[in-house]
């Protein structure tokens, strides 16, 4: 066993606990979404105890196709703590079953192109005739209104359209898209917050359900800083500056003597002065070319050259020791191979090894964030396709009525009726409401 494999086993090993629960127990969510944004949204709710039921077509949620060596890694991470029901969306009886499921739910999440939900006979206004407190989260690329509302939209398109790619990368090279699902993930986090806000209106203020119009575009534009305001004031578009910042200097990545990298941030004047002292260049603090942030930005290449020379003459460990002793904000640039055996990650249990049917144990992020009294939990692994079809639908039908639906291809999955403990928990809508 090599060093990294041995070190990787230092991650805390964790098993799913079906009897555990979180603060959102009793909240039921029907998740019709596909791919990343919706699954990121409902993961936040599921990790804290909500009963999230993924309703999938026969071939499953398309997130399942994102595999690593035939292992559904994305699915296992972002669909943990959820249940799965598979049905044929084109079948009228399946839509009838879906309506009944939604009648018993507190939240519906969907990511169809605007108008498709209505075509399915599941328009939110119609659903709220029988479930007036229902919150419907509608995820789309461009929103439910506006000139682009019927356009298909993946995260890549909004990462370009929002201005992110234009400011990312180096000035003499092409704009750079993020190497991960930034637009989708950001929308998912916004969506979870919006869902809880809408539920507060229902539960605490005694209000009614409502729609949440969640585009991928607007969350992206909200996290990019005051770019529009800055352009109106200066008439200049933010340039691509690589890892440099347009607001503080030095701020960059620097290569160490052993081929590793560090990142440096000096967001305050005090930190910049402390850094110059740490590298033996206290004279720069009195030099008008470097003594203020504005001056350093004007001479950023010279500043970077000084820092780069110092860092480049020392190993990663030596640099970190020097800067940590001086309390300078410098850190290593890591990848997954480092994180699996990093002391900080292991001590914080930021990554944990979770039992897995395919891999024995699979590393994944822990529940985020950490609540001191009512933390989130790992109750169940990501479901197999249709694993809970019978379990969920026995709330609506008796066993005699259920089997013909399997036979006729209306529903799919595992016909065995599993533990009904979670299925029998009443939804928030069924609980007494606060006036």
Protein backbone atom coordinates (compact mmCIF):
# COMPACT_ATOMS: atom_id res chain seq x y z
CA UNK A 1 0.00 0.00 0.00
CA UNK A 2 1.55 3.32 -1.04
CA UNK A 3 1.81 6.33 1.22
CA UNK A 4 -1.15 8.20 -0.26
CA UNK A 5 -3.44 5.16 -0.11
CA UNK A 6 -2.48 4.56 3.49
CA UNK A 7 -2.91 8.23 4.32
CA UNK A 8 -6.31 8.32 2.64
CA UNK A 9 -7.53 5.74 5.15
CA UNK A 10 -7.03 8.34 7.88
CA UNK A 11 -10.34 9.91 6.89
CA UNK A 12 -13.01 9.18 9.44
CA UNK A 13 -15.08 6.17 8.38
CA UNK A 14 -18.80 6.73 8.71
CA UNK A 15 -21.87 4.57 8.21
CA UNK A 16 -25.37 5.71 7.35
CA UNK A 17 -27.76 5.74 10.28
CA UNK A 18 -31.38 5.21 9.25
CA UNK A 19 -32.62 6.12 12.72
CA UNK A 20 -30.97 9.53 12.81
CA UNK A 21 -32.86 12.68 11.91
CA UNK A 22 -32.25 16.37 11.40
CA UNK A 23 -34.07 19.61 12.15
CA UNK A 24 -36.05 19.45 8.88
CA UNK A 25 -37.68 16.13 9.73
CA UNK A 26 -41.31 16.17 8.65
CA UNK A 27 -40.57 18.32 5.60
CA UNK A 28 -41.40 16.52 2.37
CA UNK A 29 -39.90 17.53 -0.97
CA UNK A 30 -40.81 16.10 -4.37
CA UNK A 31 -37.80 16.58 -6.65
CA UNK A 32 -38.44 16.37 -10.39
CA UNK A 33 -35.23 18.18 -11.28
CA UNK A 34 -32.37 16.80 -13.35
CA UNK A 35 -28.61 17.25 -13.34
CA UNK A 36 -26.88 19.58 -10.88
CA UNK A 37 -28.75 22.69 -9.68
CA UNK A 38 -31.86 20.95 -8.36
CA UNK A 39 -29.90 18.13 -6.79
CA UNK A 40 -27.60 20.62 -5.05
CA UNK A 41 -30.68 22.43 -3.74
CA UNK A 42 -32.44 19.34 -2.40
CA UNK A 43 -29.19 17.96 -0.95
CA UNK A 44 -29.11 20.91 1.45
CA UNK A 45 -32.60 20.01 2.64
CA UNK A 46 -32.02 16.25 2.70
CA UNK A 47 -28.81 16.54 4.71
CA UNK A 48 -30.76 18.30 7.45
CA UNK A 49 -33.54 15.77 7.61
CA UNK A 50 -36.07 16.59 4.88
CA UNK A 51 -37.68 13.62 3.14
CA UNK A 52 -36.59 14.28 -0.43
CA UNK A 53 -38.19 11.99 -2.99
CA UNK A 54 -36.48 11.98 -6.36
CA UNK A 55 -39.07 11.24 -9.05
CA UNK A 56 -37.11 9.90 -12.01
CA UNK A 57 -37.97 8.70 -15.51
CA UNK A 58 -37.24 5.08 -16.36
CA UNK A 59 -33.66 5.86 -17.42
CA UNK A 60 -33.05 7.82 -14.24
CA UNK A 61 -31.90 11.34 -13.47
CA UNK A 62 -29.27 12.40 -16.00
CA UNK A 63 -26.92 13.17 -13.11
CA UNK A 64 -26.38 9.42 -12.88
CA UNK A 65 -24.48 9.58 -16.19
CA UNK A 66 -21.66 11.62 -14.63
CA UNK A 67 -19.48 8.66 -13.75
CA UNK A 68 -15.90 7.92 -12.82
CA UNK A 69 -14.86 4.51 -14.12
CA UNK A 70 -18.50 3.48 -14.23
CA UNK A 71 -19.18 4.63 -10.66
CA UNK A 72 -21.97 7.20 -10.24
CA UNK A 73 -19.80 9.51 -8.16
CA UNK A 74 -21.87 12.68 -8.62
CA UNK A 75 -25.06 10.81 -7.85
CA UNK A 76 -23.64 9.18 -4.72
CA UNK A 77 -22.51 12.53 -3.32
CA UNK A 78 -25.35 14.85 -4.27
CA UNK A 79 -28.26 12.45 -3.89
CA UNK A 80 -27.40 10.93 -0.52
CA UNK A 81 -30.23 11.05 2.02
CA UNK A 82 -32.86 10.93 -0.75
CA UNK A 83 -35.39 8.34 -1.92
CA UNK A 84 -36.16 7.39 -5.53
CA UNK A 85 -39.42 6.72 -7.35
CA UNK A 86 -39.37 5.87 -11.08
CA UNK A 87 -42.35 6.38 -13.33
CA UNK A 88 -43.26 7.00 -16.97
CA UNK A 89 -43.94 10.73 -17.26
CA UNK A 90 -45.78 10.14 -20.56
CA UNK A 91 -48.38 7.92 -18.93
CA UNK A 92 -51.56 9.58 -17.71
CA UNK A 93 -51.82 7.32 -14.68
CA UNK A 94 -48.26 8.23 -13.70
CA UNK A 95 -49.14 11.92 -13.75
CA UNK A 96 -52.14 11.15 -11.56
CA UNK A 97 -49.89 9.42 -9.06
CA UNK A 98 -47.49 12.34 -9.18
CA UNK A 99 -50.32 14.76 -8.38
CA UNK A 100 -51.23 12.68 -5.34
CA UNK A 101 -47.62 12.70 -4.17
CA UNK A 102 -47.45 16.46 -4.58
CA UNK A 103 -50.68 16.86 -2.61
CA UNK A 104 -48.87 15.37 0.38
CA UNK A 105 -45.70 17.45 -0.08
CA UNK A 106 -44.49 20.79 1.19
CA UNK A 107 -42.13 21.58 -1.69
CA UNK A 108 -41.96 20.71 -5.39
CA UNK A 109 -38.68 21.24 -7.25
CA UNK A 110 -38.55 21.10 -11.04
CA UNK A 111 -36.08 22.09 -13.75
CA UNK A 112 -38.06 21.64 -16.94
CA UNK A 113 -38.02 24.28 -19.61
CA UNK A 114 -40.65 26.92 -18.70
CA UNK A 115 -44.09 25.77 -19.79
CA UNK A 116 -43.40 22.03 -19.64
CA UNK A 117 -44.84 21.62 -16.14
CA UNK A 118 -48.06 23.21 -17.40
CA UNK A 119 -48.10 20.87 -20.40
CA UNK A 120 -47.89 17.94 -18.01
CA UNK A 121 -51.02 19.15 -16.24
CA UNK A 122 -49.01 20.18 -13.18
CA UNK A 123 -49.30 23.97 -13.32
CA UNK A 124 -48.46 25.39 -9.86
CA UNK A 125 -51.78 27.26 -9.57
CA UNK A 126 -53.63 24.03 -10.28
CA UNK A 127 -51.55 22.11 -7.74
CA UNK A 128 -52.29 24.70 -5.07
CA UNK A 129 -56.03 24.21 -5.47
CA UNK A 130 -55.60 21.02 -3.45
CA UNK A 131 -52.38 21.95 -1.63
CA UNK A 132 -52.54 25.71 -1.03
CA UNK A 133 -49.35 25.82 1.04
CA UNK A 134 -47.19 24.19 -1.64
CA UNK A 135 -43.88 25.89 -2.47
CA UNK A 136 -42.82 25.30 -6.08
CA UNK A 137 -39.18 25.90 -7.01
CA UNK A 138 -38.85 26.42 -10.77
CA UNK A 139 -35.26 26.13 -11.97
CA UNK A 140 -34.35 27.19 -15.49
CA UNK A 141 -31.44 28.68 -17.36
CA UNK A 142 -32.97 32.10 -17.97
CA UNK A 143 -36.03 32.38 -15.74
CA UNK A 144 -39.77 31.92 -16.15
CA UNK A 145 -40.20 35.32 -17.81
CA UNK A 146 -38.25 37.49 -20.22
CA UNK A 147 -37.28 37.06 -23.88
CA UNK A 148 -35.12 33.96 -23.24
CA UNK A 149 -37.49 32.05 -21.01
CA UNK A 150 -38.10 29.30 -23.57
CA UNK A 151 -34.43 28.86 -24.42
CA UNK A 152 -32.57 25.84 -23.08
CA UNK A 153 -29.89 26.90 -20.64
CA UNK A 154 -27.03 25.02 -19.05
CA UNK A 155 -24.65 26.50 -16.49
CA UNK A 156 -21.95 26.96 -19.13
CA UNK A 157 -24.09 29.47 -21.02
CA UNK A 158 -24.80 31.61 -17.97
CA UNK A 159 -21.14 31.46 -16.89
CA UNK A 160 -20.37 33.09 -20.23
CA UNK A 161 -23.36 35.44 -20.40
CA UNK A 162 -23.00 36.72 -16.81
CA UNK A 163 -19.49 38.08 -17.37
CA UNK A 164 -17.68 35.44 -15.35
CA UNK A 165 -15.70 34.00 -18.26
CA UNK A 166 -14.81 37.49 -19.54
CA UNK A 167 -13.05 38.33 -16.27
CA UNK A 168 -11.53 34.87 -15.72
CA UNK A 169 -8.13 33.93 -17.13
CA UNK A 170 -5.30 36.02 -18.54
CA UNK A 171 -5.61 39.14 -20.66
CA UNK A 172 -3.60 37.77 -23.59
CA UNK A 173 -5.56 34.51 -23.74
CA UNK A 174 -9.13 33.36 -24.25
CA UNK A 175 -11.85 33.86 -21.61
CA UNK A 176 -11.95 30.88 -19.27
CA UNK A 177 -15.03 28.99 -18.11
CA UNK A 178 -14.97 27.39 -14.64
CA UNK A 179 -13.83 23.75 -14.56
CA UNK A 180 -16.83 22.77 -12.44
CA UNK A 181 -20.58 23.40 -12.29
CA UNK A 182 -20.30 26.87 -10.78
CA UNK A 183 -23.55 28.26 -12.19
CA UNK A 184 -25.59 25.22 -11.17
CA UNK A 185 -24.05 24.87 -7.74
CA UNK A 186 -24.56 28.57 -6.96
CA UNK A 187 -28.18 28.41 -8.07
CA UNK A 188 -28.73 25.33 -5.94
CA UNK A 189 -27.49 27.08 -2.81
CA UNK A 190 -29.61 30.15 -3.54
CA UNK A 191 -32.58 27.86 -4.13
CA UNK A 192 -32.24 26.14 -0.76
CA UNK A 193 -32.23 29.50 1.00
CA UNK A 194 -35.23 30.71 -1.01
CA UNK A 195 -37.12 27.51 -0.24
CA UNK A 196 -36.68 27.96 3.49
CA UNK A 197 -37.71 31.62 3.17
CA UNK A 198 -40.94 30.60 1.42
CA UNK A 199 -41.57 27.91 4.04
CA UNK A 200 -41.11 30.50 6.79
CA UNK A 201 -43.92 32.48 5.17
CA UNK A 202 -46.11 29.38 5.29
CA UNK A 203 -45.17 28.05 8.70
CA UNK A 204 -44.51 31.17 10.77
CA UNK A 205 -46.46 33.93 9.04
CA UNK A 206 -49.43 31.71 8.23
CA UNK A 207 -49.21 32.55 4.55
CA UNK A 208 -49.80 30.51 1.42
CA UNK A 209 -47.48 28.66 -0.91
CA UNK A 210 -45.79 30.42 -3.80
CA UNK A 211 -43.51 29.93 -6.80
CA UNK A 212 -39.76 30.50 -6.67
CA UNK A 213 -38.45 31.61 -10.07
CA UNK A 214 -34.82 30.47 -9.91
CA UNK A 215 -32.75 31.10 -13.01
CA UNK A 216 -29.15 29.95 -13.25
CA UNK A 217 -28.21 33.38 -14.60
CA UNK A 218 -29.13 35.70 -11.73
CA UNK A 219 -27.29 33.84 -8.94
CA UNK A 220 -24.15 33.95 -11.11
CA UNK A 221 -24.40 37.68 -11.74
CA UNK A 222 -24.95 38.32 -8.02
CA UNK A 223 -21.63 36.82 -6.89
CA UNK A 224 -19.36 38.62 -9.37
CA UNK A 225 -19.03 41.86 -7.45
CA UNK A 226 -20.20 45.37 -8.47
CA UNK A 227 -19.00 44.96 -12.06
CA UNK A 228 -21.85 46.93 -13.65
CA UNK A 229 -21.44 49.82 -11.19
CA UNK A 230 -17.68 49.88 -11.69
CA UNK A 231 -18.10 50.00 -15.46
CA UNK A 232 -20.62 52.86 -15.26
CA UNK A 233 -18.26 54.83 -13.03
CA UNK A 234 -15.05 54.22 -14.98
CA UNK A 235 -16.15 53.27 -18.47
CA UNK A 236 -13.73 50.36 -18.24
CA UNK A 237 -14.45 46.63 -18.17
CA UNK A 238 -12.63 44.58 -15.54
CA UNK A 239 -9.59 43.08 -17.22
CA UNK A 240 -8.60 39.45 -17.01
CA UNK A 241 -5.69 39.41 -14.59
CA UNK A 242 -5.12 35.71 -13.95
CA UNK A 243 -4.73 35.15 -10.22
CA UNK A 244 -3.98 38.79 -9.54
CA UNK A 245 -6.58 41.02 -7.95
CA UNK A 246 -7.67 44.40 -9.24
CA UNK A 247 -8.27 45.61 -5.68
CA UNK A 248 -5.23 44.46 -3.64
CA UNK A 249 -1.58 43.52 -4.19
CA UNK A 250 0.26 41.28 -3.77
CA UNK A 251 -2.36 38.67 -4.51
CA UNK A 252 -1.25 35.81 -6.74
CA UNK A 253 0.02 32.26 -6.95
CA UNK A 254 3.73 31.57 -6.72
CA UNK A 255 5.75 28.46 -7.51
CA UNK A 256 7.99 26.97 -4.81
CA UNK A 257 11.44 25.42 -5.19
CA UNK A 258 10.01 21.89 -5.07
CA UNK A 259 7.46 22.50 -7.82
CA UNK A 260 4.50 23.15 -5.52
CA UNK A 261 2.43 26.33 -5.37
CA UNK A 262 1.29 28.81 -2.75
CA UNK A 263 -1.41 31.46 -2.90
CA UNK A 264 -0.99 34.86 -1.27
CA UNK A 265 -3.61 37.37 -0.19
CA UNK A 266 -2.91 40.78 1.36
CA UNK A 267 -6.36 42.29 1.61
CA UNK A 268 -5.27 44.85 4.20
CA UNK A 269 -2.37 47.29 4.44
CA UNK A 270 -1.24 45.62 7.66
CA UNK A 271 -1.01 42.23 5.97
CA UNK A 272 1.01 43.60 3.06
CA UNK A 273 3.44 45.26 5.45
CA UNK A 274 3.74 42.06 7.44
CA UNK A 275 4.51 40.08 4.28
CA UNK A 276 7.29 42.43 3.18
CA UNK A 277 8.87 42.15 6.63
CA UNK A 278 8.63 38.36 6.51
CA UNK A 279 10.54 38.16 3.21
CA UNK A 280 13.22 40.56 4.40
CA UNK A 281 11.99 43.54 2.42
CA UNK A 282 10.75 45.86 5.14
CA UNK A 283 12.20 48.69 3.05
CA UNK A 284 9.27 48.32 0.66
CA UNK A 285 6.92 49.57 3.38
CA UNK A 286 8.64 52.96 3.25
CA UNK A 287 9.03 53.07 -0.52
CA UNK A 288 6.27 55.24 -2.08
CA UNK A 289 6.01 52.75 -4.96
CA UNK A 290 4.86 50.01 -2.58
CA UNK A 291 3.76 51.68 0.66
CA UNK A 292 0.07 51.90 -0.27
CA UNK A 293 -2.29 49.52 -1.97
CA UNK A 294 -2.93 51.93 -4.84
CA UNK A 295 0.81 52.26 -5.43
CA UNK A 296 1.34 48.50 -5.31
CA UNK A 297 -1.36 47.95 -7.90
CA UNK A 298 0.41 50.44 -10.18
CA UNK A 299 3.66 48.50 -9.73
CA UNK A 300 2.15 45.03 -9.44
CA UNK A 301 4.66 43.34 -11.73
CA UNK A 302 7.55 44.56 -9.59
CA UNK A 303 5.79 43.46 -6.40
CA UNK A 304 5.06 40.03 -7.86
CA UNK A 305 8.67 39.63 -8.95
CA UNK A 306 9.93 40.25 -5.40
CA UNK A 307 7.49 37.81 -3.81
CA UNK A 308 8.00 35.22 -6.56
CA UNK A 309 11.78 35.28 -6.09
CA UNK A 310 11.50 34.70 -2.35
CA UNK A 311 8.96 31.89 -2.67
CA UNK A 312 10.80 30.26 -5.56
CA UNK A 313 13.97 29.83 -3.53
CA UNK A 314 12.23 27.76 -0.84
CA UNK A 315 10.20 24.58 -0.66
CA UNK A 316 6.49 24.58 0.09
CA UNK A 317 7.10 23.48 3.67
CA UNK A 318 9.75 26.15 4.20
CA UNK A 319 7.51 28.90 2.81
CA UNK A 320 4.57 27.84 4.95
CA UNK A 321 6.71 27.73 8.07
CA UNK A 322 8.06 31.23 7.48
CA UNK A 323 4.74 32.82 6.64
CA UNK A 324 2.77 31.07 9.37
CA UNK A 325 5.32 32.20 11.96
CA UNK A 326 4.87 35.78 10.70
CA UNK A 327 1.04 35.37 10.61
CA UNK A 328 0.95 36.19 6.90
CA UNK A 329 -2.04 34.93 4.90
CA UNK A 330 -0.27 32.46 2.63
CA UNK A 331 -1.51 28.95 1.96
CA UNK A 332 -0.79 25.91 -0.19
CA UNK A 333 -2.58 25.19 -3.45
CA UNK A 334 -3.90 21.67 -3.10
CA UNK A 335 -5.77 19.16 -5.22
CA UNK A 336 -7.75 16.06 -4.26
CA UNK A 337 -4.60 13.98 -3.77
CA UNK A 338 -3.50 16.38 -1.03
CA UNK A 339 -6.89 16.82 0.61
CA UNK A 340 -7.35 13.11 1.27
CA UNK A 341 -4.41 13.07 3.68
CA UNK A 342 -4.30 16.66 4.90
CA UNK A 343 -4.21 17.02 8.69
CA UNK A 344 -6.65 19.94 8.72
CA UNK A 345 -9.20 18.19 6.49
CA UNK A 346 -8.95 15.03 8.58
CA UNK A 347 -9.19 16.82 11.92
CA UNK A 348 -12.20 18.88 10.83
CA UNK A 349 -13.79 15.87 9.12
CA UNK A 350 -14.39 18.11 6.11
CA UNK A 351 -14.07 14.98 3.99
CA UNK A 352 -15.21 11.66 5.40
CA UNK A 353 -15.13 8.07 4.15
CA UNK A 354 -18.73 6.89 3.88
CA UNK A 355 -19.71 3.27 3.44
CA UNK A 356 -20.46 2.44 -0.19
CA UNK A 357 -21.84 -0.61 -1.97
CA UNK A 358 -19.41 -0.29 -4.90
CA UNK A 359 -16.25 1.06 -3.29
CA UNK A 360 -16.52 -0.22 0.28
CA UNK A 361 -15.90 3.36 1.43
CA UNK A 362 -16.19 6.52 -0.64
CA UNK A 363 -14.79 9.94 0.32
CA UNK A 364 -17.25 12.82 0.17
CA UNK A 365 -17.83 16.17 1.82
CA UNK A 366 -19.45 16.20 5.23
CA UNK A 367 -22.75 17.94 5.95
CA UNK A 368 -22.31 21.70 5.53
CA UNK A 369 -22.63 23.86 7.61
CA UNK A 370 -22.37 22.55 11.16
CA UNK A 371 -25.22 23.23 13.56
CA UNK A 372 -24.26 22.93 17.22
CA UNK A 373 -27.54 21.52 18.55
CA UNK A 374 -29.41 20.08 15.55
CA UNK A 375 -26.75 19.02 13.05
CA UNK A 376 -27.42 17.36 9.74
CA UNK A 377 -26.99 13.60 9.42
CA UNK A 378 -26.24 10.84 6.93
CA UNK A 379 -29.33 8.63 7.00
CA UNK A 380 -29.24 6.75 3.72
CA UNK A 381 -26.99 6.33 0.67
CA UNK A 382 -28.01 7.71 -2.70
CA UNK A 383 -30.83 5.51 -3.97
CA UNK A 384 -30.86 2.99 -6.76
CA UNK A 385 -33.30 3.82 -9.56
CA UNK A 386 -36.79 3.24 -8.25
CA UNK A 387 -35.49 1.79 -5.00
CA UNK A 388 -38.35 3.34 -3.04
CA UNK A 389 -41.13 3.25 -5.65
CA UNK A 390 -43.22 0.73 -3.72
CA UNK A 391 -42.32 2.22 -0.35
CA UNK A 392 -43.49 5.69 -1.33
CA UNK A 393 -46.55 4.71 -3.34
CA UNK A 394 -48.01 2.42 -0.68
CA UNK A 395 -48.98 5.65 1.07
CA UNK A 396 -51.34 6.25 -1.86
CA UNK A 397 -52.32 2.74 -3.01
CA UNK A 398 -52.76 -0.68 -1.51
CA UNK A 399 -50.54 -3.56 -2.57
CA UNK A 400 -53.24 -4.97 -4.86
CA UNK A 401 -53.44 -1.76 -6.88
CA UNK A 402 -49.69 -1.27 -6.95
CA UNK A 403 -48.55 -4.42 -8.77
CA UNK A 404 -50.57 -3.77 -11.97
CA UNK A 405 -48.83 -0.39 -12.29
CA UNK A 406 -45.48 -2.17 -12.35
CA UNK A 407 -46.83 -4.69 -14.87
CA UNK A 408 -48.21 -1.95 -17.16
CA UNK A 409 -44.99 0.09 -17.15
CA UNK A 410 -46.54 3.03 -15.33
CA UNK A 411 -43.99 2.77 -12.54
CA UNK A 412 -40.61 1.09 -12.27
CA UNK A 413 -38.20 0.01 -9.60
CA UNK A 414 -38.03 -2.37 -6.70
CA UNK A 415 -41.42 -3.80 -5.85
CA UNK A 416 -40.49 -4.85 -2.33
CA UNK A 417 -41.95 -2.66 0.39
CA UNK A 418 -39.10 -1.46 2.58
CA UNK A 419 -38.98 0.17 5.97
CA UNK A 420 -41.88 2.60 6.17
CA UNK A 421 -40.55 4.55 9.14
CA UNK A 422 -39.57 7.66 7.21
CA UNK A 423 -42.44 7.32 4.76
CA UNK A 424 -44.91 7.51 7.61
CA UNK A 425 -43.59 10.80 8.97
CA UNK A 426 -46.22 13.50 8.36
CA UNK A 427 -45.27 16.38 6.11
CA UNK A 428 -44.95 19.91 7.45
CA UNK A 429 -48.18 20.80 5.67
CA UNK A 430 -49.95 18.19 7.78
CA UNK A 431 -48.58 19.58 11.05
CA UNK A 432 -50.29 22.34 13.05
CA UNK A 433 -49.50 25.73 11.55
CA UNK A 434 -48.24 28.69 13.56
CA UNK A 435 -50.63 31.60 13.30
